[in-house]
Amino acid sequence: MPRCRPLARCSAPEAQARKTSMRQAIHDLEASKIREVANAGLGRSDVLAFWFGESDEVTPEVIRQAAIESLQRGETFYAHNLGLPELREAVAGYMSELHPRIDASRIAITSGGVSALMLAVQALVDAGDEVVAITPVWPNLTAQPAILGARVRCLSLVPQAGQWTLDLDALRAAVTPATKLLIVNAPNNPTGWTLTRDEQQTILDHCRTTGTWILADEVYERLYYEPSPKGCAPSFLDLAAPDDRLVVAHSFSKSFLMTGWRLGWLVLPPALMEGMGKLIEFNTSCASVFTQRAGIAALAHGAEITPRVVAHLKACRDTLVPLLAAIPGVEVAPASGGMYAFFQLQGFGDSLDVAKRLVVEAGLGLAPGNAFAPEAQGWLRWCFASKDRQRLVEGVSRLERWLAKQR
């Protein structure tokens, strides 16, 4: 048991202040700009919503049925902190088909990809540590270390003709021996930017030199549209040794259409496994058993599910991007991975204001670029994961009509 300090007395005003105050790091967090846009469209059935990062297609029946059968068996009790052994084995087998062999002893099952990322940051970062994050990026990735009191520095990708790229010299300059953690999301939300194998090797070599941990958010690795022998984007796991300072976060959400299930996993160095079990105990205790049964079914049927999902998303991308590119004043490039078209709308200012106006005036729901980084001001994110591609066509028509009224 941890030692408890004796209670210290404080004055009545101090006691009242403590009751009503929250940590400054929490006060300083920005509210979600994506949610702010979505709130503007609540209750409106006429809005075509593309603001959230999820497909509108329901989870496949074979996955849902596995959870139903688990519940009918009465599997409603606690599980092992690190996950059901059979799910850890299934994840390890799945990952080993895509990358060099990964043992189940390095897999920790988590209650969603968000939880996986937060657990990784909690395991590695102390208050005052320096963290470098490559941006634009899903805002949780910069908020999580800030919540823990870390000093977060952002290294921006550079846009060129609608395509975002990484300046490796800038990365080498930004990541120093003072940098505790580098956070990399590739394929990237929102830009679709994806690391090459050579870039990954350069980053890994540099971080080995500086002693910096890498947290690689690779939840979109299967949503990859370039030629690939394994059907996935390049991964740090293809290059790293098991004991490298590398933590990789994954989720069932995107590749298996399971966003609402809240099931993910971490691939960790062996030395972190015991401590990760403790952290999971103090955060969520464990992922629910029936959800883990659904995960086992997803992996068992992944060869049927994921390629179909990826092929459909590629068709969605190839429907949307040319239509956007044909609009005067729009700069966009097809994403190599992920489920988003990230485009610049030239001649307009605040992305949040534009996104809110599009909801109210055009019935079109997009995410504002400045939700992901200040340097993405003037950009918008469109999630193209739509079961019906005609919705994408209609969405572009609404954007065009709205733009025509602004001229």
Protein backbone atom coordinates (compact mmCIF):
# COMPACT_ATOMS: atom_id res chain seq x y z
CA MET A 1 0.00 0.00 0.00
CA PRO A 2 1.28 3.54 -0.71
CA ARG A 3 2.11 5.60 2.33
CA CYS A 4 -0.44 8.28 3.19
CA ARG A 5 0.68 11.67 4.48
CA PRO A 6 -0.95 13.15 7.60
CA LEU A 7 -3.84 15.47 6.84
CA ALA A 8 -2.87 19.14 6.73
CA ARG A 9 -5.31 21.73 8.01
CA CYS A 10 -6.28 24.71 5.91
CA SER A 11 -8.38 27.80 6.48
CA ALA A 12 -12.08 27.92 5.61
CA PRO A 13 -11.53 30.09 2.48
CA GLU A 14 -8.74 27.78 1.31
CA ALA A 15 -10.93 24.75 1.90
CA GLN A 16 -13.77 26.31 -0.09
CA ALA A 17 -11.41 27.21 -2.95
CA ARG A 18 -10.16 23.64 -3.09
CA LYS A 19 -13.71 22.35 -3.27
CA THR A 20 -14.59 24.49 -6.27
CA SER A 21 -11.34 24.53 -8.24
CA MET A 22 -9.89 22.15 -10.78
CA ARG A 23 -6.26 21.69 -11.80
CA GLN A 24 -5.04 24.54 -13.97
CA ALA A 25 -3.98 22.10 -16.70
CA ILE A 26 -7.62 21.04 -17.04
CA HIS A 27 -8.89 24.63 -17.10
CA ASP A 28 -6.37 25.34 -19.87
CA LEU A 29 -7.63 22.55 -22.13
CA GLU A 30 -9.48 23.76 -25.20
CA ALA A 31 -12.97 22.41 -25.70
CA SER A 32 -13.41 20.30 -28.82
CA LYS A 33 -13.99 22.50 -31.86
CA ILE A 34 -15.36 19.45 -33.68
CA ARG A 35 -18.00 19.01 -30.99
CA GLU A 36 -18.77 22.73 -31.20
CA VAL A 37 -19.56 22.36 -34.89
CA ALA A 38 -21.59 19.19 -34.28
CA ASN A 39 -23.57 20.95 -31.54
CA ALA A 40 -24.59 23.57 -34.10
CA GLY A 41 -26.30 20.84 -36.09
CA LEU A 42 -27.98 18.92 -33.28
CA GLY A 43 -31.63 18.19 -33.99
CA ARG A 44 -31.32 18.96 -37.71
CA SER A 45 -32.17 15.92 -39.82
CA ASP A 46 -31.28 17.80 -43.02
CA VAL A 47 -27.55 18.08 -42.16
CA LEU A 48 -25.13 15.76 -43.95
CA ALA A 49 -22.66 15.04 -41.16
CA PHE A 50 -19.05 14.21 -42.00
CA TRP A 51 -17.47 15.75 -38.89
CA PHE A 52 -16.65 12.69 -36.75
CA GLY A 53 -13.99 10.10 -37.56
CA GLU A 54 -16.16 7.06 -37.98
CA SER A 55 -18.02 5.16 -40.65
CA ASP A 56 -21.81 5.29 -40.73
CA GLU A 57 -21.81 1.53 -41.36
CA VAL A 58 -22.85 -0.67 -38.43
CA THR A 59 -20.44 -3.22 -36.93
CA PRO A 60 -20.61 -6.55 -38.84
CA GLU A 61 -23.14 -9.02 -37.46
CA VAL A 62 -20.59 -11.75 -36.69
CA ILE A 63 -18.88 -9.36 -34.25
CA ARG A 64 -22.12 -8.22 -32.65
CA GLN A 65 -23.29 -11.81 -32.29
CA ALA A 66 -20.12 -12.78 -30.42
CA ALA A 67 -20.86 -10.11 -27.82
CA ILE A 68 -24.50 -11.17 -27.55
CA GLU A 69 -23.52 -14.79 -26.98
CA SER A 70 -20.99 -13.73 -24.35
CA LEU A 71 -23.67 -11.80 -22.47
CA GLN A 72 -26.08 -14.71 -22.73
CA ARG A 73 -23.40 -16.91 -21.13
CA GLY A 74 -23.29 -14.47 -18.26
CA GLU A 75 -19.77 -13.15 -18.92
CA THR A 76 -20.34 -9.94 -17.01
CA PHE A 77 -17.45 -10.13 -14.53
CA TYR A 78 -13.95 -8.64 -14.27
CA ALA A 79 -11.18 -9.92 -16.53
CA HIS A 80 -7.39 -9.84 -16.30
CA ASN A 81 -6.01 -6.30 -16.32
CA LEU A 82 -4.05 -6.95 -19.50
CA GLY A 83 -6.93 -8.67 -21.28
CA LEU A 84 -8.27 -12.15 -21.93
CA PRO A 85 -5.34 -14.47 -22.76
CA GLU A 86 -7.14 -15.67 -25.90
CA LEU A 87 -7.61 -12.10 -27.15
CA ARG A 88 -3.97 -11.22 -26.44
CA GLU A 89 -2.93 -14.31 -28.40
CA ALA A 90 -5.28 -13.38 -31.25
CA VAL A 91 -3.93 -9.81 -31.39
CA ALA A 92 -0.36 -11.10 -31.33
CA GLY A 93 -1.13 -13.48 -34.20
CA TYR A 94 -2.81 -10.72 -36.19
CA MET A 95 0.09 -8.32 -35.65
CA SER A 96 2.66 -11.01 -36.46
CA GLU A 97 1.03 -11.53 -39.86
CA LEU A 98 1.66 -7.86 -40.66
CA HIS A 99 5.00 -7.32 -38.91
CA PRO A 100 7.92 -9.30 -37.46
CA ARG A 101 6.71 -11.73 -34.79
CA ILE A 102 5.19 -10.09 -31.70
CA ASP A 103 4.65 -12.21 -28.61
CA ALA A 104 1.35 -12.06 -26.72
CA SER A 105 3.33 -11.17 -23.59
CA ARG A 106 3.88 -7.71 -25.16
CA ILE A 107 0.16 -7.03 -25.77
CA ALA A 108 -2.04 -5.06 -23.37
CA ILE A 109 -5.77 -4.86 -24.13
CA THR A 110 -7.31 -1.47 -23.39
CA SER A 111 -10.77 0.10 -23.24
CA GLY A 112 -10.39 1.85 -26.58
CA GLY A 113 -7.58 3.47 -28.52
CA VAL A 114 -7.99 6.69 -26.53
CA SER A 115 -7.36 4.77 -23.32
CA ALA A 116 -4.36 3.05 -24.92
CA LEU A 117 -2.79 6.41 -25.73
CA MET A 118 -3.50 7.90 -22.31
CA LEU A 119 -2.08 4.84 -20.56
CA ALA A 120 1.08 5.09 -22.65
CA VAL A 121 1.52 8.75 -21.76
CA GLN A 122 0.87 8.04 -18.07
CA ALA A 123 3.50 5.30 -18.18
CA LEU A 124 6.19 7.49 -19.73
CA VAL A 125 5.66 11.16 -18.87
CA ASP A 126 6.20 13.09 -15.64
CA ALA A 127 5.05 16.64 -14.97
CA GLY A 128 7.59 19.03 -16.50
CA ASP A 129 8.83 16.56 -19.11
CA GLU A 130 9.22 17.77 -22.68
CA VAL A 131 6.98 16.10 -25.25
CA VAL A 132 7.17 16.75 -29.00
CA ALA A 133 4.10 16.02 -31.13
CA ILE A 134 3.92 16.08 -34.92
CA THR A 135 0.93 18.21 -35.96
CA PRO A 136 -1.72 18.77 -37.29
CA VAL A 137 -3.07 15.88 -35.26
CA TRP A 138 -6.14 14.66 -33.43
CA PRO A 139 -6.23 17.03 -30.44
CA ASN A 140 -6.26 14.24 -27.80
CA LEU A 141 -2.65 13.48 -28.62
CA THR A 142 -1.44 16.90 -27.53
CA ALA A 143 -3.97 17.26 -24.71
CA GLN A 144 -3.07 14.02 -22.94
CA PRO A 145 0.51 14.94 -22.01
CA ALA A 146 -0.64 18.47 -21.15
CA ILE A 147 -3.14 17.01 -18.68
CA LEU A 148 -0.22 15.31 -16.93
CA GLY A 149 1.70 18.58 -16.71
CA ALA A 150 4.16 17.96 -19.53
CA ARG A 151 5.54 20.75 -21.71
CA VAL A 152 4.18 20.00 -25.18
CA ARG A 153 6.00 21.35 -28.22
CA CYS A 154 4.49 20.95 -31.67
CA LEU A 155 6.43 20.19 -34.84
CA SER A 156 4.32 21.06 -37.86
CA LEU A 157 4.07 19.13 -41.07
CA VAL A 158 4.44 21.34 -44.15
CA PRO A 159 1.65 21.56 -46.77
CA GLN A 160 2.65 21.43 -50.43
CA ALA A 161 -0.10 21.47 -53.07
CA GLY A 162 -2.55 20.00 -50.58
CA GLN A 163 -0.17 17.26 -49.43
CA TRP A 164 1.43 17.48 -45.97
CA THR A 165 5.05 16.38 -45.55
CA LEU A 166 7.58 16.04 -42.75
CA ASP A 167 10.79 18.07 -42.61
CA LEU A 168 13.26 15.56 -41.13
CA ASP A 169 15.87 18.23 -40.44
CA ALA A 170 13.29 20.13 -38.39
CA LEU A 171 12.48 16.94 -36.49
CA ARG A 172 16.14 16.30 -35.69
CA ALA A 173 16.42 19.85 -34.37
CA ALA A 174 13.21 19.56 -32.32
CA VAL A 175 13.90 16.18 -30.69
CA THR A 176 16.89 16.50 -28.34
CA PRO A 177 18.15 14.60 -25.29
CA ALA A 178 15.76 16.81 -23.30
CA THR A 179 12.77 15.30 -25.16
CA LYS A 180 11.16 12.52 -23.14
CA LEU A 181 8.56 11.50 -25.71
CA LEU A 182 7.87 11.95 -29.42
CA ILE A 183 4.25 11.42 -30.48
CA VAL A 184 3.70 10.35 -34.10
CA ASN A 185 0.34 9.57 -35.70
CA ALA A 186 0.76 8.04 -39.15
CA PRO A 187 -1.32 7.48 -41.19
CA ASN A 188 -2.35 10.80 -39.83
CA ASN A 189 -5.64 12.22 -38.70
CA PRO A 190 -6.50 14.69 -40.25
CA THR A 191 -4.00 15.08 -43.11
CA GLY A 192 -3.61 11.50 -44.36
CA TRP A 193 0.17 11.96 -44.18
CA THR A 194 1.99 8.62 -43.95
CA LEU A 195 5.61 7.96 -43.05
CA THR A 196 7.89 6.15 -45.46
CA ARG A 197 10.06 3.30 -44.25
CA ASP A 198 13.19 5.45 -44.63
CA GLU A 199 11.63 8.27 -42.61
CA GLN A 200 10.72 5.84 -39.86
CA GLN A 201 14.25 4.50 -39.76
CA THR A 202 15.65 8.03 -39.53
CA ILE A 203 13.30 8.90 -36.67
CA LEU A 204 14.01 5.66 -34.82
CA ASP A 205 17.79 6.09 -35.17
CA HIS A 206 17.60 9.68 -33.98
CA CYS A 207 15.45 8.83 -30.96
CA ARG A 208 17.83 6.02 -30.04
CA THR A 209 20.59 8.63 -30.00
CA THR A 210 18.65 11.11 -27.87
CA GLY A 211 17.11 8.49 -25.57
CA THR A 212 13.61 9.64 -26.55
CA TRP A 213 10.58 7.37 -26.33
CA ILE A 214 8.33 7.11 -29.41
CA LEU A 215 4.57 6.79 -29.01
CA ALA A 216 3.30 5.69 -32.42
CA ASP A 217 -0.44 6.00 -32.95
CA GLU A 218 -0.93 3.51 -35.79
CA VAL A 219 -4.68 2.97 -35.53
CA TYR A 220 -5.09 3.75 -39.25
CA GLU A 221 -2.37 1.39 -40.48
CA ARG A 222 -4.84 -0.89 -42.33
CA LEU A 223 -6.65 2.06 -43.93
CA TYR A 224 -3.82 2.43 -46.44
CA TYR A 225 -4.29 2.96 -50.17
CA GLU A 226 -0.78 2.63 -51.59
CA PRO A 227 0.64 -0.68 -52.89
CA SER A 228 1.72 -2.78 -49.92
CA PRO A 229 2.62 -6.49 -49.72
CA LYS A 230 0.99 -6.86 -46.29
CA GLY A 231 -1.94 -4.52 -46.85
CA CYS A 232 -0.86 -1.99 -44.25
CA ALA A 233 1.12 1.22 -43.91
CA PRO A 234 4.78 1.18 -42.83
CA SER A 235 5.09 0.63 -39.08
CA PHE A 236 7.82 1.32 -36.55
CA LEU A 237 7.32 -2.31 -35.49
CA ASP A 238 8.92 -3.41 -38.77
CA LEU A 239 12.19 -1.78 -37.72
CA ALA A 240 12.36 -1.73 -33.92
CA ALA A 241 13.74 -4.31 -31.54
CA PRO A 242 11.42 -5.52 -28.74
CA ASP A 243 13.34 -3.52 -26.13
CA ASP A 244 13.48 -0.27 -28.10
CA ARG A 245 11.85 2.77 -26.51
CA LEU A 246 8.74 2.34 -28.63
CA VAL A 247 5.07 2.02 -27.69
CA VAL A 248 2.53 1.42 -30.45
CA ALA A 249 -1.19 2.11 -29.97
CA HIS A 250 -3.96 0.36 -31.91
CA SER A 251 -7.74 0.19 -31.96
CA PHE A 252 -10.52 -2.03 -33.28
CA SER A 253 -12.49 1.12 -34.13
CA LYS A 254 -11.53 1.88 -37.71
CA SER A 255 -10.52 -1.34 -39.47
CA PHE A 256 -13.34 -3.40 -37.94
CA LEU A 257 -16.11 -0.75 -37.78
CA MET A 258 -16.15 -0.87 -33.96
CA THR A 259 -15.92 2.77 -32.86
CA GLY A 260 -18.53 2.53 -30.12
CA TRP A 261 -17.15 -0.67 -28.60
CA ARG A 262 -14.14 1.02 -26.97
CA LEU A 263 -11.55 -1.70 -27.51
CA GLY A 264 -7.88 -1.22 -28.32
CA TRP A 265 -4.43 -2.48 -27.52
CA LEU A 266 -0.83 -1.50 -26.92
CA VAL A 267 2.36 -3.16 -28.10
CA LEU A 268 4.97 -2.57 -25.40
CA PRO A 269 8.56 -3.42 -24.56
CA PRO A 270 8.64 -6.36 -22.11
CA ALA A 271 9.99 -4.12 -19.32
CA LEU A 272 6.77 -2.04 -19.32
CA MET A 273 4.26 -4.89 -19.07
CA GLU A 274 4.09 -5.28 -15.29
CA GLY A 275 3.66 -1.56 -14.74
CA MET A 276 1.04 -1.35 -17.50
CA GLY A 277 -1.06 -3.92 -15.70
CA LYS A 278 -1.03 -1.67 -12.63
CA LEU A 279 -1.97 1.39 -14.67
CA ILE A 280 -4.90 -0.36 -16.30
CA GLU A 281 -6.09 -1.45 -12.84
CA PHE A 282 -6.08 2.17 -11.65
CA ASN A 283 -7.76 3.49 -14.82
CA THR A 284 -10.44 1.07 -16.00
CA SER A 285 -9.54 -2.22 -14.27
CA CYS A 286 -10.09 -4.12 -17.52
CA ALA A 287 -11.96 -4.11 -20.80
CA SER A 288 -15.37 -5.77 -20.56
CA VAL A 289 -15.35 -9.49 -21.36
CA PHE A 290 -18.20 -9.40 -23.89
CA THR A 291 -16.41 -6.59 -25.75
CA GLN A 292 -13.23 -8.66 -25.82
CA ARG A 293 -15.21 -11.62 -27.20
CA ALA A 294 -16.33 -9.30 -29.99
CA GLY A 295 -12.68 -8.43 -30.60
CA ILE A 296 -11.76 -12.10 -30.91
CA ALA A 297 -14.53 -12.53 -33.50
CA ALA A 298 -13.34 -9.44 -35.37
CA LEU A 299 -9.82 -10.83 -35.68
CA ALA A 300 -11.10 -14.30 -36.63
CA HIS A 301 -13.09 -12.77 -39.49
CA GLY A 302 -10.70 -9.93 -40.26
CA ALA A 303 -9.73 -11.37 -43.64
CA GLU A 304 -13.35 -10.93 -44.73
CA ILE A 305 -14.07 -7.64 -42.98
CA THR A 306 -11.03 -5.35 -43.26
CA PRO A 307 -10.21 -5.69 -47.01
CA ARG A 308 -13.84 -4.92 -47.80
CA VAL A 309 -13.77 -1.87 -45.53
CA VAL A 310 -10.54 -0.62 -47.09
CA ALA A 311 -11.77 -1.15 -50.66
CA HIS A 312 -14.95 0.77 -49.90
CA LEU A 313 -13.08 3.62 -48.23
CA LYS A 314 -10.73 3.89 -51.19
CA ALA A 315 -13.75 4.14 -53.50
CA CYS A 316 -15.15 6.85 -51.21
CA ARG A 317 -11.86 8.75 -51.32
CA ASP A 318 -11.68 8.44 -55.09
CA THR A 319 -15.25 9.73 -55.37
CA LEU A 320 -14.81 12.73 -53.08
CA VAL A 321 -11.32 14.08 -53.78
CA PRO A 322 -11.69 14.71 -57.55
CA LEU A 323 -14.99 16.50 -56.94
CA LEU A 324 -13.39 18.74 -54.32
CA ALA A 325 -10.33 19.36 -56.50
CA ALA A 326 -12.57 20.59 -59.31
CA ILE A 327 -13.97 23.41 -57.16
CA PRO A 328 -12.16 26.74 -57.72
CA GLY A 329 -10.33 27.84 -54.58
CA VAL A 330 -10.07 24.33 -53.09
CA GLU A 331 -6.66 22.76 -52.65
CA VAL A 332 -6.69 19.04 -51.85
CA ALA A 333 -4.63 15.92 -52.47
CA PRO A 334 -5.68 12.28 -52.10
CA ALA A 335 -4.66 10.87 -48.72
CA SER A 336 -2.35 7.85 -48.67
CA GLY A 337 -4.08 6.55 -45.55
CA GLY A 338 -6.87 7.23 -43.08
CA MET A 339 -10.47 8.18 -43.81
CA TYR A 340 -10.27 11.91 -44.39
CA ALA A 341 -10.02 14.48 -47.14
CA PHE A 342 -8.18 17.48 -45.68
CA PHE A 343 -8.57 20.49 -47.92
CA GLN A 344 -7.78 24.18 -47.92
CA LEU A 345 -10.57 26.61 -48.67
CA GLN A 346 -8.78 29.66 -50.03
CA GLY A 347 -10.10 33.12 -49.30
CA PHE A 348 -11.75 32.23 -46.00
CA GLY A 349 -10.49 32.93 -42.50
CA ASP A 350 -11.38 31.15 -39.30
CA SER A 351 -12.01 27.44 -40.01
CA LEU A 352 -14.33 27.10 -37.02
CA ASP A 353 -16.49 29.97 -38.22
CA VAL A 354 -16.63 28.52 -41.75
CA ALA A 355 -17.53 25.05 -40.46
CA LYS A 356 -20.33 26.43 -38.28
CA ARG A 357 -21.67 28.50 -41.14
CA LEU A 358 -21.66 25.45 -43.43
CA VAL A 359 -23.82 23.59 -40.93
CA VAL A 360 -26.35 26.41 -40.56
CA GLU A 361 -26.36 27.76 -44.12
CA ALA A 362 -25.61 24.66 -46.23
CA GLY A 363 -26.59 21.67 -44.11
CA LEU A 364 -23.04 20.33 -44.40
CA GLY A 365 -21.09 19.13 -41.35
CA LEU A 366 -17.28 19.22 -41.58
CA ALA A 367 -14.53 19.47 -38.97
CA PRO A 368 -12.54 22.73 -38.76
CA GLY A 369 -8.82 22.50 -39.47
CA ASN A 370 -7.84 24.63 -36.50
CA ALA A 371 -9.24 21.89 -34.24
CA PHE A 372 -6.07 19.97 -35.09
CA ALA A 373 -3.43 22.71 -34.98
CA PRO A 374 -3.15 26.49 -35.46
CA GLU A 375 -1.20 25.94 -38.69
CA ALA A 376 -4.27 24.20 -40.17
CA GLN A 377 -6.31 27.40 -40.03
CA GLY A 378 -8.18 27.71 -43.32
CA TRP A 379 -8.43 23.93 -43.77
CA LEU A 380 -11.41 21.59 -43.31
CA ARG A 381 -11.57 17.85 -42.64
CA TRP A 382 -14.14 15.70 -44.40
CA CYS A 383 -14.58 12.12 -43.17
CA PHE A 384 -15.38 10.16 -46.32
CA ALA A 385 -16.32 6.90 -44.53
CA SER A 386 -19.85 6.88 -45.90
CA LYS A 387 -21.83 3.73 -46.67
CA ASP A 388 -23.62 5.59 -49.46
CA ARG A 389 -21.20 7.42 -51.75
CA GLN A 390 -24.06 9.51 -53.11
CA ARG A 391 -24.01 11.35 -49.76
CA LEU A 392 -20.48 12.52 -50.65
CA VAL A 393 -21.65 13.74 -54.06
CA GLU A 394 -24.55 15.62 -52.49
CA GLY A 395 -22.23 17.09 -49.86
CA VAL A 396 -19.95 18.52 -52.54
CA SER A 397 -22.98 20.01 -54.31
CA ARG A 398 -23.97 21.73 -51.08
CA LEU A 399 -20.47 23.11 -50.66
CA GLU A 400 -20.42 24.41 -54.23
CA ARG A 401 -23.80 26.11 -53.85
CA TRP A 402 -22.71 27.72 -50.60
CA LEU A 403 -19.46 28.98 -52.13
CA ALA A 404 -21.35 30.45 -55.10
CA LYS A 405 -23.42 32.55 -52.69
CA GLN A 406 -20.26 33.95 -51.06
CA ARG A 407 -18.88 35.38 -54.30
